[in-house]
Amino acid sequence: MSTELIRAVYIIQGSVYLNSKSNNDNLPFHDWKCDSLTEIYQNEGQRGLDREIVRMLYEYAQIQGHHPSVERYRPCLNDWGTLSKSFIQTIRAEYDKLLPEDKETVGLPEDKKTAGVKAYEEFRRNTENELYTRLALLAKNPADKKPRQNSDLPR
């Protein structure tokens, strides 16, 4: 399984760029525009971006190096065990409530899932979002700013 190694996060003219590489290839680090993070940043500002970067760092990415743009996320990584325990227990308890026939449809295509599994997956997504949001608040110098819109510019 591939891990994305992230050396820096840049915001240029409202777009989010990463300096990164995959750990399973020999290509060098490179800068690239991340459309999904750009969309989140434009819709939710810095806090939404922080949440999604923290999610990436827990699910499939690692910080590489010490650039200030990624260093600010180290405190988020250090508190995972303390904060995540109750969230994981909550998600597990919700899963345990599923009927056996519901559990059989976990992992199947959306049209094959039962209503119970769909409700559980939505609950899980919302609970994970809350966890990542709380962890992202630990980022150094969080700023909840949205990118300027044309209408916000001085005239």
C-alpha atoms as a PDB file:
ATOM      1  CA  MET A   1       0.000   0.000   0.000  1.00  0.00           C
ATOM      2  CA  SER A   2       1.257   3.430  -0.918  1.00  0.00           C
ATOM      3  CA  THR A   3       1.895   6.248   1.535  1.00  0.00           C
ATOM      4  CA  GLU A   4       1.995   9.850   0.372  1.00  0.00           C
ATOM      5  CA  LEU A   5       4.982  11.697   1.835  1.00  0.00           C
ATOM      6  CA  ILE A   6       4.107  15.388   2.263  1.00  0.00           C
ATOM      7  CA  ARG A   7       6.905  17.938   2.616  1.00  0.00           C
ATOM      8  CA  ALA A   8       4.886  21.151   2.331  1.00  0.00           C
ATOM      9  CA  VAL A   9       1.404  22.585   1.856  1.00  0.00           C
ATOM     10  CA  TYR A  10       1.066  25.859  -0.055  1.00  0.00           C
ATOM     11  CA  ILE A  11      -1.935  28.077  -0.658  1.00  0.00           C
ATOM     12  CA  ILE A  12      -1.498  30.153  -3.787  1.00  0.00           C
ATOM     13  CA  GLN A  13      -4.325  32.373  -5.033  1.00  0.00           C
ATOM     14  CA  GLY A  14      -6.935  30.284  -3.201  1.00  0.00           C
ATOM     15  CA  SER A  15      -5.628  26.947  -4.487  1.00  0.00           C
ATOM     16  CA  VAL A  16      -3.942  24.279  -2.362  1.00  0.00           C
ATOM     17  CA  TYR A  17      -0.671  22.772  -3.584  1.00  0.00           C
ATOM     18  CA  LEU A  18       1.279  19.923  -2.031  1.00  0.00           C
ATOM     19  CA  ASN A  19       4.963  19.172  -2.308  1.00  0.00           C
ATOM     20  CA  SER A  20       4.884  15.405  -2.049  1.00  0.00           C
ATOM     21  CA  LYS A  21       5.710  12.030  -3.508  1.00  0.00           C
ATOM     22  CA  SER A  22       4.595   8.441  -3.153  1.00  0.00           C
ATOM     23  CA  ASN A  23       6.819   6.208  -1.048  1.00  0.00           C
ATOM     24  CA  ASN A  24       6.559   3.343  -3.533  1.00  0.00           C
ATOM     25  CA  ASP A  25       8.126   5.009  -6.573  1.00  0.00           C
ATOM     26  CA  ASN A  26      11.456   6.565  -7.410  1.00  0.00           C
ATOM     27  CA  LEU A  27      10.068   9.882  -8.621  1.00  0.00           C
ATOM     28  CA  PRO A  28      11.292  13.007  -6.822  1.00  0.00           C
ATOM     29  CA  PHE A  29       9.144  15.280  -4.668  1.00  0.00           C
ATOM     30  CA  HIS A  30       7.052  17.587  -6.827  1.00  0.00           C
ATOM     31  CA  ASP A  31       4.544  20.412  -6.421  1.00  0.00           C
ATOM     32  CA  TRP A  32       1.006  19.752  -7.598  1.00  0.00           C
ATOM     33  CA  LYS A  33      -2.412  21.328  -7.213  1.00  0.00           C
ATOM     34  CA  CYS A  34      -4.732  19.200  -5.106  1.00  0.00           C
ATOM     35  CA  ASP A  35      -8.251  19.856  -6.414  1.00  0.00           C
ATOM     36  CA  SER A  36     -10.062  18.134  -3.525  1.00  0.00           C
ATOM     37  CA  LEU A  37      -8.184  20.155  -0.885  1.00  0.00           C
ATOM     38  CA  THR A  38      -8.658  23.337  -2.932  1.00  0.00           C
ATOM     39  CA  GLU A  39     -12.423  22.775  -2.982  1.00  0.00           C
ATOM     40  CA  ILE A  40     -12.514  22.197   0.782  1.00  0.00           C
ATOM     41  CA  TYR A  41     -10.363  25.283   1.412  1.00  0.00           C
ATOM     42  CA  GLN A  42     -12.560  27.458  -0.788  1.00  0.00           C
ATOM     43  CA  ASN A  43     -15.749  26.182   0.892  1.00  0.00           C
ATOM     44  CA  GLU A  44     -14.650  25.860   4.524  1.00  0.00           C
ATOM     45  CA  GLY A  45     -11.483  27.909   4.946  1.00  0.00           C
ATOM     46  CA  GLN A  46      -8.376  26.997   6.931  1.00  0.00           C
ATOM     47  CA  ARG A  47     -10.186  24.853   9.514  1.00  0.00           C
ATOM     48  CA  GLY A  48     -11.716  22.620   6.846  1.00  0.00           C
ATOM     49  CA  LEU A  49      -8.333  22.299   5.154  1.00  0.00           C
ATOM     50  CA  ASP A  50      -6.703  21.419   8.477  1.00  0.00           C
ATOM     51  CA  ARG A  51      -9.324  18.721   9.120  1.00  0.00           C
ATOM     52  CA  GLU A  52      -8.712  17.088   5.756  1.00  0.00           C
ATOM     53  CA  ILE A  53      -4.925  17.222   6.055  1.00  0.00           C
ATOM     54  CA  VAL A  54      -5.173  15.596   9.492  1.00  0.00           C
ATOM     55  CA  ARG A  55      -7.444  12.933   7.952  1.00  0.00           C
ATOM     56  CA  MET A  56      -4.825  12.305   5.250  1.00  0.00           C
ATOM     57  CA  LEU A  57      -2.077  11.994   7.867  1.00  0.00           C
ATOM     58  CA  TYR A  58      -4.031   9.336   9.737  1.00  0.00           C
ATOM     59  CA  GLU A  59      -5.291   7.404   6.734  1.00  0.00           C
ATOM     60  CA  TYR A  60      -2.610   7.404   4.032  1.00  0.00           C
ATOM     61  CA  ALA A  61       0.012  10.133   4.359  1.00  0.00           C
ATOM     62  CA  GLN A  62       3.029  11.098   6.454  1.00  0.00           C
ATOM     63  CA  ILE A  63       4.851  14.327   7.171  1.00  0.00           C
ATOM     64  CA  GLN A  64       8.296  14.400   5.586  1.00  0.00           C
ATOM     65  CA  GLY A  65      10.804  17.028   6.700  1.00  0.00           C
ATOM     66  CA  HIS A  66      10.243  20.105   8.837  1.00  0.00           C
ATOM     67  CA  HIS A  67       8.659  22.772   6.631  1.00  0.00           C
ATOM     68  CA  PRO A  68       6.494  25.076   8.821  1.00  0.00           C
ATOM     69  CA  SER A  69       3.422  24.308   6.703  1.00  0.00           C
ATOM     70  CA  VAL A  70       3.496  20.654   7.819  1.00  0.00           C
ATOM     71  CA  GLU A  71       5.246  21.079  11.191  1.00  0.00           C
ATOM     72  CA  ARG A  72       2.089  22.740  12.480  1.00  0.00           C
ATOM     73  CA  TYR A  73       0.286  19.369  12.252  1.00  0.00           C
ATOM     74  CA  ARG A  74       2.665  17.434  14.534  1.00  0.00           C
ATOM     75  CA  PRO A  75       0.641  18.233  17.696  1.00  0.00           C
ATOM     76  CA  CYS A  76      -2.427  16.760  15.958  1.00  0.00           C
ATOM     77  CA  LEU A  77      -0.582  13.489  15.464  1.00  0.00           C
ATOM     78  CA  ASN A  78       0.613  13.287  19.052  1.00  0.00           C
ATOM     79  CA  ASP A  79      -2.893  13.276  20.604  1.00  0.00           C
ATOM     80  CA  TRP A  80      -4.451  10.541  18.468  1.00  0.00           C
ATOM     81  CA  GLY A  81      -4.490   7.839  21.176  1.00  0.00           C
ATOM     82  CA  THR A  82      -6.030  10.011  23.864  1.00  0.00           C
ATOM     83  CA  LEU A  83      -8.744  11.567  21.744  1.00  0.00           C
ATOM     84  CA  SER A  84      -9.596   8.714  19.400  1.00  0.00           C
ATOM     85  CA  LYS A  85     -10.388   6.068  22.017  1.00  0.00           C
ATOM     86  CA  SER A  86     -13.893   7.332  22.829  1.00  0.00           C
ATOM     87  CA  PHE A  87     -14.692   7.967  19.151  1.00  0.00           C
ATOM     88  CA  ILE A  88     -13.636   4.449  18.186  1.00  0.00           C
ATOM     89  CA  GLN A  89     -15.713   2.988  21.021  1.00  0.00           C
ATOM     90  CA  THR A  90     -18.731   4.995  19.862  1.00  0.00           C
ATOM     91  CA  ILE A  91     -18.349   3.778  16.275  1.00  0.00           C
ATOM     92  CA  ARG A  92     -17.863   0.164  17.450  1.00  0.00           C
ATOM     93  CA  ALA A  93     -21.001   0.349  19.623  1.00  0.00           C
ATOM     94  CA  GLU A  94     -23.014   1.589  16.644  1.00  0.00           C
ATOM     95  CA  TYR A  95     -21.657  -1.248  14.475  1.00  0.00           C
ATOM     96  CA  ASP A  96     -22.570  -3.787  17.158  1.00  0.00           C
ATOM     97  CA  LYS A  97     -26.193  -2.612  16.947  1.00  0.00           C
ATOM     98  CA  LEU A  98     -26.418  -3.744  13.306  1.00  0.00           C
ATOM     99  CA  LEU A  99     -28.438  -6.849  12.558  1.00  0.00           C
ATOM    100  CA  PRO A 100     -26.509  -9.843  11.148  1.00  0.00           C
ATOM    101  CA  GLU A 101     -28.133  -9.370   7.732  1.00  0.00           C
ATOM    102  CA  ASP A 102     -27.008  -5.728   7.752  1.00  0.00           C
ATOM    103  CA  LYS A 103     -23.416  -6.681   8.587  1.00  0.00           C
ATOM    104  CA  GLU A 104     -23.348  -8.981   5.551  1.00  0.00           C
ATOM    105  CA  THR A 105     -23.787  -5.972   3.248  1.00  0.00           C
ATOM    106  CA  VAL A 106     -20.889  -3.917   4.663  1.00  0.00           C
ATOM    107  CA  GLY A 107     -18.381  -3.331   1.876  1.00  0.00           C
ATOM    108  CA  LEU A 108     -20.827  -4.091  -0.929  1.00  0.00           C
ATOM    109  CA  PRO A 109     -21.722  -1.560  -3.654  1.00  0.00           C
ATOM    110  CA  GLU A 110     -24.117   1.153  -2.507  1.00  0.00           C
ATOM    111  CA  ASP A 111     -27.150  -0.382  -4.223  1.00  0.00           C
ATOM    112  CA  LYS A 112     -26.616  -3.689  -2.375  1.00  0.00           C
ATOM    113  CA  LYS A 113     -26.338  -2.202   1.127  1.00  0.00           C
ATOM    114  CA  THR A 114     -29.214  -2.335   3.583  1.00  0.00           C
ATOM    115  CA  ALA A 115     -30.719   0.829   5.050  1.00  0.00           C
ATOM    116  CA  GLY A 116     -29.134  -0.105   8.390  1.00  0.00           C
ATOM    117  CA  VAL A 117     -25.636  -0.206   6.900  1.00  0.00           C
ATOM    118  CA  LYS A 118     -26.183   3.061   5.038  1.00  0.00           C
ATOM    119  CA  ALA A 119     -27.256   4.729   8.305  1.00  0.00           C
ATOM    120  CA  TYR A 120     -24.247   3.232  10.122  1.00  0.00           C
ATOM    121  CA  GLU A 121     -21.829   4.448   7.431  1.00  0.00           C
ATOM    122  CA  GLU A 122     -23.264   7.969   7.612  1.00  0.00           C
ATOM    123  CA  PHE A 123     -22.945   7.873  11.419  1.00  0.00           C
ATOM    124  CA  ARG A 124     -19.343   6.679  11.079  1.00  0.00           C
ATOM    125  CA  ARG A 125     -18.470   9.430   8.557  1.00  0.00           C
ATOM    126  CA  ASN A 126     -19.957  12.111  10.818  1.00  0.00           C
ATOM    127  CA  THR A 127     -18.177  10.735  13.896  1.00  0.00           C
ATOM    128  CA  GLU A 128     -14.840  10.535  12.047  1.00  0.00           C
ATOM    129  CA  ASN A 129     -15.312  14.110  10.798  1.00  0.00           C
ATOM    130  CA  GLU A 130     -15.833  15.243  14.385  1.00  0.00           C
ATOM    131  CA  LEU A 131     -12.682  13.403  15.511  1.00  0.00           C
ATOM    132  CA  TYR A 132     -10.548  14.879  12.720  1.00  0.00           C
ATOM    133  CA  THR A 133     -12.004  18.332  13.381  1.00  0.00           C
ATOM    134  CA  ARG A 134     -11.043  18.120  17.064  1.00  0.00           C
ATOM    135  CA  LEU A 135      -7.563  16.870  16.218  1.00  0.00           C
ATOM    136  CA  ALA A 136      -7.117  19.651  13.642  1.00  0.00           C
ATOM    137  CA  LEU A 137      -7.817  22.242  16.348  1.00  0.00           C
ATOM    138  CA  LEU A 138      -4.477  21.200  17.860  1.00  0.00           C
ATOM    139  CA  ALA A 139      -2.595  22.489  14.798  1.00  0.00           C
ATOM    140  CA  LYS A 140      -0.252  25.344  15.681  1.00  0.00           C
ATOM    141  CA  ASN A 141      -1.676  28.794  15.005  1.00  0.00           C
ATOM    142  CA  PRO A 142      -5.033  27.705  13.575  1.00  0.00           C
ATOM    143  CA  ALA A 143      -6.681  30.455  11.562  1.00  0.00           C
ATOM    144  CA  ASP A 144     -10.250  30.194  10.437  1.00  0.00           C
ATOM    145  CA  LYS A 145     -10.057  32.294   7.344  1.00  0.00           C
ATOM    146  CA  LYS A 146     -11.845  31.815   4.122  1.00  0.00           C
ATOM    147  CA  PRO A 147     -10.181  32.859   0.901  1.00  0.00           C
ATOM    148  CA  ARG A 148     -11.078  36.344  -0.243  1.00  0.00           C
ATOM    149  CA  GLN A 149     -13.785  36.568  -2.831  1.00  0.00           C
ATOM    150  CA  ASN A 150     -13.801  39.279  -5.470  1.00  0.00           C
ATOM    151  CA  SER A 151     -16.600  41.021  -3.576  1.00  0.00           C
ATOM    152  CA  ASP A 152     -14.388  41.134  -0.429  1.00  0.00           C
ATOM    153  CA  LEU A 153     -11.548  43.018  -2.131  1.00  0.00           C
ATOM    154  CA  PRO A 154     -11.169  46.714  -1.371  1.00  0.00           C
ATOM    155  CA  ARG A 155     -12.452  48.997  -4.104  1.00  0.00           C
END
